[in-house]
Amino acid sequence: MKVLCKVKIKNMLGLHARPATVIAKLLQGTKSSVAFTYRKETINARSIMSILMLAASKNSQITIVVEGDDAEETMARLIEAFDNKFGE
């Protein structure tokens, strides 16, 4: 199964080290492949360094693509993390 969603980055500093770590930890227990696309660049969302290299700032919109058996559950957890500003 493949799920696609666009999300807006709401936290003040964008996708910096703390949110990247939260995303990587959130994805540790999942089976699906997860990719983020921002400004025509697509990265593997399991990689903290790749997330940091996107340099997505506050109010940026990124596209999340989750593909695999637990895609819907994984997407729901990611959307919740973005909505909660990664606990900041």
Protein backbone atom coordinates (compact mmCIF):
# COMPACT_ATOMS: atom_id res chain seq x y z
CA MET A 1 0.00 0.00 0.00
CA LYS A 2 1.17 3.51 -0.82
CA VAL A 3 0.01 6.64 1.06
CA LEU A 4 0.84 10.24 0.13
CA CYS A 5 0.27 13.39 2.19
CA LYS A 6 1.45 17.00 2.19
CA VAL A 7 2.29 18.52 5.57
CA LYS A 8 3.32 21.97 6.71
CA ILE A 9 6.25 22.40 9.07
CA LYS A 10 4.89 24.31 12.06
CA ASN A 11 7.80 24.40 14.52
CA MET A 12 9.90 27.59 14.71
CA LEU A 13 13.24 26.18 13.55
CA GLY A 14 11.98 23.87 10.80
CA LEU A 15 13.40 20.39 10.35
CA HIS A 16 16.52 20.71 12.49
CA ALA A 17 18.31 18.01 14.52
CA ARG A 18 15.63 17.45 17.18
CA PRO A 19 12.70 16.85 14.79
CA ALA A 20 14.96 14.73 12.55
CA THR A 21 15.79 12.54 15.55
CA VAL A 22 12.10 12.28 16.51
CA ILE A 23 11.24 11.19 12.96
CA ALA A 24 14.05 8.60 12.84
CA LYS A 25 13.00 7.13 16.21
CA LEU A 26 9.35 7.08 15.18
CA LEU A 27 10.25 5.10 12.04
CA GLN A 28 12.46 2.54 13.83
CA GLY A 29 9.56 0.21 14.59
CA THR A 30 7.95 0.42 11.16
CA LYS A 31 8.32 -1.75 8.06
CA SER A 32 7.30 0.77 5.41
CA SER A 33 9.66 2.84 3.30
CA VAL A 34 9.24 6.57 3.95
CA ALA A 35 10.35 9.41 1.68
CA PHE A 36 10.12 13.19 2.07
CA THR A 37 10.08 15.49 -0.94
CA TYR A 38 10.88 19.19 -0.65
CA ARG A 39 11.84 21.52 -3.52
CA LYS A 40 12.15 18.62 -6.00
CA GLU A 41 14.56 16.73 -3.71
CA THR A 42 13.44 13.36 -2.36
CA ILE A 43 15.17 11.72 0.59
CA ASN A 44 14.90 8.61 2.75
CA ALA A 45 13.17 9.82 5.92
CA ARG A 46 14.94 7.19 8.05
CA SER A 47 18.20 9.11 7.68
CA ILE A 48 18.72 12.01 10.09
CA MET A 49 21.41 13.49 7.85
CA SER A 50 19.16 13.36 4.80
CA ILE A 51 16.37 15.15 6.70
CA LEU A 52 18.82 17.85 7.80
CA MET A 53 20.09 18.27 4.23
CA LEU A 54 16.56 19.16 3.06
CA ALA A 55 16.91 22.40 5.08
CA ALA A 56 13.13 22.74 5.29
CA SER A 57 12.21 25.83 7.32
CA LYS A 58 9.06 26.86 9.19
CA ASN A 59 5.94 27.02 6.99
CA SER A 60 7.59 24.87 4.31
CA GLN A 61 5.39 22.22 2.80
CA ILE A 62 6.81 18.75 2.28
CA THR A 63 5.30 15.68 0.67
CA ILE A 64 5.47 12.43 2.60
CA VAL A 65 5.21 9.12 0.74
CA VAL A 66 4.88 5.95 2.81
CA GLU A 67 4.89 2.58 1.07
CA GLY A 68 4.47 -0.79 2.76
CA ASP A 69 2.25 -3.02 4.88
CA ASP A 70 1.88 -0.52 7.75
CA ALA A 71 1.74 2.60 5.56
CA GLU A 72 -1.49 4.06 6.94
CA GLU A 73 -0.42 3.66 10.59
CA THR A 74 3.04 5.07 9.86
CA MET A 75 1.58 8.05 8.02
CA ALA A 76 -0.83 8.76 10.89
CA ARG A 77 2.07 8.78 13.37
CA LEU A 78 4.13 11.11 11.15
CA ILE A 79 1.23 13.54 10.67
CA GLU A 80 0.68 13.60 14.43
CA ALA A 81 4.37 14.37 15.01
CA PHE A 82 4.29 17.26 12.49
CA ASP A 83 1.02 18.60 13.97
CA ASN A 84 2.48 18.50 17.49
CA LYS A 85 5.61 20.36 16.33
CA PHE A 86 7.73 17.36 17.38
CA GLY A 87 7.11 18.13 21.05
CA GLU A 88 8.67 21.60 20.90
